[in-house]
């Protein structure tokens, strides 16, 4: 049954276009249909593979209370000494 549908979907544009004198357009249309079909099949296979991987993991044990709360960060260290630690002079340079 699938083969019959494929033959109809791929051959029909070529036959109709050839009947009107544009066989090359029919071939291009058939090629586009085949590429679109392959793209959909690849997406479906990848989605099914990903779904199986997610479904096989399961939910796992329940998380302990407060598991989603992050710990506070440590404060940044003090800057190193040097020119950045010197105070500004009282007078502007001349």
N, C-alpha and C. Protein backbone atom coordinates (compact mmCIF):
# COMPACT_ATOMS: atom_id res chain seq x y z
N UNK A 1 0.83 -1.19 0.00
CA UNK A 1 0.00 0.00 0.00
C UNK A 1 0.87 1.26 0.00
N UNK A 2 1.93 1.24 0.81
CA UNK A 2 2.80 2.40 0.87
C UNK A 2 3.49 2.63 -0.47
N UNK A 3 3.88 1.54 -1.11
CA UNK A 3 4.53 1.66 -2.41
C UNK A 3 3.59 2.26 -3.44
N UNK A 4 2.31 1.89 -3.39
CA UNK A 4 1.33 2.45 -4.32
C UNK A 4 1.18 3.95 -4.11
N UNK A 5 1.15 4.37 -2.85
CA UNK A 5 1.03 5.80 -2.56
C UNK A 5 2.28 6.53 -3.03
N UNK A 6 3.46 5.93 -2.79
CA UNK A 6 4.70 6.56 -3.22
C UNK A 6 4.76 6.72 -4.73
N UNK A 7 4.37 5.67 -5.44
CA UNK A 7 4.40 5.76 -6.90
C UNK A 7 3.45 6.86 -7.38
N UNK A 8 2.28 6.93 -6.75
CA UNK A 8 1.30 7.95 -7.14
C UNK A 8 1.84 9.35 -6.84
N UNK A 9 2.40 9.53 -5.67
CA UNK A 9 2.84 10.86 -5.26
C UNK A 9 4.07 11.32 -6.04
N UNK A 10 4.97 10.41 -6.37
CA UNK A 10 6.20 10.79 -7.05
C UNK A 10 6.03 10.83 -8.56
N UNK A 11 5.28 9.88 -9.12
CA UNK A 11 5.15 9.80 -10.57
C UNK A 11 4.11 10.78 -11.10
N UNK A 12 3.07 11.05 -10.32
CA UNK A 12 1.99 11.92 -10.79
C UNK A 12 2.48 13.31 -11.22
N UNK A 13 3.31 14.01 -10.44
CA UNK A 13 3.76 15.32 -10.92
C UNK A 13 4.55 15.25 -12.22
N UNK A 14 5.36 14.21 -12.37
CA UNK A 14 6.14 14.08 -13.60
C UNK A 14 5.24 13.82 -14.80
N UNK A 15 4.25 12.96 -14.64
CA UNK A 15 3.34 12.64 -15.74
C UNK A 15 2.51 13.86 -16.12
N UNK A 16 1.97 14.56 -15.12
CA UNK A 16 1.14 15.73 -15.40
C UNK A 16 1.98 16.82 -16.06
N UNK A 17 3.19 17.05 -15.55
CA UNK A 17 4.04 18.08 -16.14
C UNK A 17 4.47 17.70 -17.55
N UNK A 18 4.73 16.41 -17.78
CA UNK A 18 5.11 15.96 -19.13
C UNK A 18 3.95 16.12 -20.10
N UNK A 19 2.74 15.93 -19.61
CA UNK A 19 1.57 16.10 -20.48
C UNK A 19 1.44 17.54 -20.96
N UNK A 20 1.91 18.47 -20.17
CA UNK A 20 1.84 19.88 -20.55
C UNK A 20 3.16 20.37 -21.14
N UNK A 21 4.12 19.47 -21.35
CA UNK A 21 5.37 19.83 -21.99
C UNK A 21 6.45 20.34 -21.06
N UNK A 22 6.34 20.06 -19.78
CA UNK A 22 7.34 20.54 -18.82
C UNK A 22 7.81 19.37 -17.94
N UNK A 23 8.42 18.39 -18.55
CA UNK A 23 8.84 17.19 -17.81
C UNK A 23 9.89 17.51 -16.76
N UNK A 24 10.78 18.46 -17.05
CA UNK A 24 11.84 18.77 -16.08
C UNK A 24 11.25 19.36 -14.80
N UNK A 25 10.18 20.15 -14.93
CA UNK A 25 9.54 20.70 -13.73
C UNK A 25 8.91 19.58 -12.91
N UNK A 26 8.34 18.59 -13.58
CA UNK A 26 7.76 17.44 -12.87
C UNK A 26 8.81 16.66 -12.12
N UNK A 27 9.99 16.50 -12.73
CA UNK A 27 11.08 15.79 -12.05
C UNK A 27 11.53 16.57 -10.82
N UNK A 28 11.63 17.88 -10.96
CA UNK A 28 12.03 18.72 -9.82
C UNK A 28 10.98 18.64 -8.72
N UNK A 29 9.71 18.67 -9.09
CA UNK A 29 8.64 18.57 -8.08
C UNK A 29 8.71 17.23 -7.36
N UNK A 30 8.94 16.16 -8.09
CA UNK A 30 9.06 14.84 -7.47
C UNK A 30 10.26 14.79 -6.53
N UNK A 31 11.37 15.39 -6.95
CA UNK A 31 12.56 15.44 -6.11
C UNK A 31 12.29 16.20 -4.81
N UNK A 32 11.58 17.32 -4.90
CA UNK A 32 11.25 18.10 -3.71
C UNK A 32 10.33 17.30 -2.78
N UNK A 33 9.39 16.58 -3.35
CA UNK A 33 8.49 15.76 -2.54
C UNK A 33 9.28 14.68 -1.80
N UNK A 34 10.21 14.04 -2.49
CA UNK A 34 11.03 12.99 -1.85
C UNK A 34 11.89 13.59 -0.74
N UNK A 35 12.49 14.76 -0.99
CA UNK A 35 13.31 15.39 0.06
C UNK A 35 12.47 15.77 1.27
N UNK A 36 11.28 16.30 1.05
CA UNK A 36 10.40 16.65 2.17
C UNK A 36 10.02 15.41 2.96
N UNK A 37 9.72 14.33 2.27
CA UNK A 37 9.37 13.09 2.95
C UNK A 37 10.55 12.57 3.78
N UNK A 38 11.73 12.59 3.21
CA UNK A 38 12.91 12.14 3.96
C UNK A 38 13.16 13.01 5.19
N UNK A 39 12.96 14.31 5.04
CA UNK A 39 13.13 15.20 6.19
C UNK A 39 12.16 14.88 7.30
N UNK A 40 10.91 14.60 6.94
CA UNK A 40 9.92 14.25 7.96
C UNK A 40 10.26 12.92 8.63
N UNK A 41 10.73 11.96 7.84
CA UNK A 41 11.08 10.65 8.40
C UNK A 41 12.26 10.79 9.36
N UNK A 42 13.26 11.57 8.99
CA UNK A 42 14.42 11.76 9.87
C UNK A 42 13.99 12.44 11.17
N UNK A 43 13.15 13.46 11.08
CA UNK A 43 12.67 14.12 12.30
C UNK A 43 11.90 13.16 13.18
N UNK A 44 11.04 12.33 12.57
CA UNK A 44 10.24 11.39 13.35
C UNK A 44 11.13 10.34 14.03
N UNK A 45 12.13 9.85 13.31
CA UNK A 45 13.02 8.84 13.90
C UNK A 45 13.82 9.44 15.05
N UNK A 46 14.35 10.64 14.87
CA UNK A 46 15.12 11.27 15.95
C UNK A 46 14.25 11.56 17.16
N UNK A 47 13.02 12.02 16.91
CA UNK A 47 12.13 12.29 18.03
C UNK A 47 11.76 11.00 18.75
N UNK A 48 11.52 9.92 18.01
CA UNK A 48 11.18 8.64 18.65
C UNK A 48 12.37 8.11 19.45
N UNK A 49 13.56 8.25 18.91
CA UNK A 49 14.75 7.78 19.62
C UNK A 49 14.94 8.57 20.92
N UNK A 50 14.74 9.88 20.86
CA UNK A 50 14.88 10.72 22.04
C UNK A 50 13.79 10.39 23.05
N UNK A 51 12.57 10.12 22.58
CA UNK A 51 11.46 9.80 23.49
C UNK A 51 11.75 8.50 24.21
N UNK A 52 12.28 7.51 23.48
CA UNK A 52 12.59 6.24 24.13
C UNK A 52 13.67 6.41 25.19
N UNK A 53 14.66 7.25 24.91
CA UNK A 53 15.73 7.47 25.89
C UNK A 53 15.18 8.15 27.14
N UNK A 54 14.29 9.11 26.95
CA UNK A 54 13.71 9.80 28.10
C UNK A 54 12.78 8.87 28.87
N UNK A 55 11.99 8.09 28.15
CA UNK A 55 11.03 7.20 28.81
C UNK A 55 11.74 6.09 29.56
N UNK A 56 12.90 5.65 29.08
CA UNK A 56 13.58 4.55 29.76
C UNK A 56 14.22 5.01 31.07
N UNK A 57 14.52 6.30 31.19
CA UNK A 57 15.13 6.79 32.42
C UNK A 57 14.15 6.78 33.58
N UNK A 58 12.91 7.13 33.31
CA UNK A 58 11.93 7.20 34.38
C UNK A 58 12.11 8.46 35.20
N UNK A 59 11.23 8.63 36.15
CA UNK A 59 11.27 9.83 36.98
C UNK A 59 12.32 9.72 38.08
N UNK A 60 12.63 8.52 38.52
CA UNK A 60 13.61 8.35 39.57
C UNK A 60 13.01 8.61 40.94
N UNK A 61 13.82 8.53 41.97
CA UNK A 61 13.29 8.77 43.31
C UNK A 61 12.95 10.24 43.50
N UNK A 62 12.05 10.53 44.44
CA UNK A 62 11.70 11.94 44.67
C UNK A 62 12.88 12.72 45.22
N UNK A 63 12.97 13.99 44.86
CA UNK A 63 14.06 14.83 45.32
C UNK A 63 13.86 15.22 46.77
N UNK A 64 14.95 15.39 47.52
CA UNK A 64 14.80 15.83 48.91
C UNK A 64 14.30 17.26 48.96
N UNK A 65 13.70 17.67 50.08
CA UNK A 65 13.20 19.05 50.17
C UNK A 65 14.35 20.05 50.05
N UNK A 66 14.10 21.12 49.34
CA UNK A 66 15.09 22.17 49.17
C UNK A 66 16.15 21.84 48.13
N UNK A 67 15.93 20.82 47.29
CA UNK A 67 16.94 20.43 46.32
C UNK A 67 17.09 21.46 45.21
N UNK A 68 16.03 22.24 44.95
CA UNK A 68 16.11 23.22 43.88
C UNK A 68 16.68 24.55 44.33
N UNK A 69 17.04 24.70 45.60
CA UNK A 69 17.53 25.98 46.13
C UNK A 69 19.06 25.99 46.03
N UNK A 70 19.59 27.03 45.42
CA UNK A 70 21.04 27.14 45.29
C UNK A 70 21.67 27.66 46.58
N UNK A 71 22.90 27.26 46.80
CA UNK A 71 23.63 27.79 47.94
C UNK A 71 24.16 29.17 47.58
N UNK A 72 24.30 30.06 48.58
CA UNK A 72 24.84 31.39 48.27
C UNK A 72 26.30 31.29 47.84
N UNK A 73 26.70 32.24 47.02
CA UNK A 73 28.08 32.26 46.54
C UNK A 73 29.01 32.83 47.61
N UNK A 74 30.28 32.44 47.50
CA UNK A 74 31.28 33.02 48.39
C UNK A 74 31.54 34.44 47.95
N UNK A 75 31.92 35.32 48.86
CA UNK A 75 32.25 36.69 48.44
C UNK A 75 33.53 36.70 47.61
N UNK A 76 33.62 37.69 46.74
CA UNK A 76 34.81 37.80 45.91
C UNK A 76 36.01 38.16 46.79
N UNK A 77 37.20 37.70 46.41
CA UNK A 77 38.38 38.03 47.21
C UNK A 77 38.72 39.52 47.09
N UNK A 78 39.44 40.01 48.08
CA UNK A 78 39.85 41.42 48.05
C UNK A 78 40.83 41.63 46.90
N UNK A 79 40.81 42.84 46.31
CA UNK A 79 41.74 43.09 45.20
C UNK A 79 43.19 43.07 45.70
N UNK A 80 44.07 42.75 44.80
CA UNK A 80 45.49 42.69 45.16
C UNK A 80 46.00 44.11 45.40
N UNK A 81 47.11 44.22 46.14
CA UNK A 81 47.71 45.53 46.37
C UNK A 81 48.42 46.02 45.13
N UNK A 82 48.90 47.23 45.19
CA UNK A 82 49.62 47.80 44.06
C UNK A 82 49.03 49.16 43.72
N UNK A 83 49.12 49.53 42.47
CA UNK A 83 48.67 50.85 42.05
C UNK A 83 47.16 51.02 42.27
N UNK A 84 46.41 49.92 42.17
CA UNK A 84 44.97 50.04 42.36
C UNK A 84 44.62 50.32 43.81
N UNK A 85 45.49 49.96 44.75
CA UNK A 85 45.20 50.17 46.16
C UNK A 85 45.68 51.52 46.67
N UNK A 86 46.46 52.28 45.88
CA UNK A 86 46.97 53.58 46.32
C UNK A 86 45.84 54.60 46.35
N UNK A 87 45.84 55.50 47.33
CA UNK A 87 44.81 56.54 47.36
C UNK A 87 45.08 57.59 46.28
N UNK A 88 44.04 58.33 45.92
CA UNK A 88 44.17 59.41 44.95
C UNK A 88 44.97 60.56 45.58
N UNK A 89 45.82 61.21 44.80
CA UNK A 89 46.56 62.35 45.38
C UNK A 89 45.61 63.53 45.61
N UNK A 90 46.00 64.40 46.56
CA UNK A 90 45.16 65.56 46.87
C UNK A 90 45.21 66.61 45.78
N UNK A 91 46.30 66.72 45.08
CA UNK A 91 46.44 67.77 44.04
C UNK A 91 46.52 67.09 42.67
N UNK A 92 46.13 67.84 41.68
CA UNK A 92 46.21 67.34 40.30
C UNK A 92 47.65 67.46 39.83
N UNK A 93 48.11 66.57 38.98
CA UNK A 93 49.50 66.67 38.47
C UNK A 93 49.67 67.90 37.59
N UNK A 94 50.88 68.43 37.59
CA UNK A 94 51.14 69.67 36.82
C UNK A 94 51.76 69.38 35.53
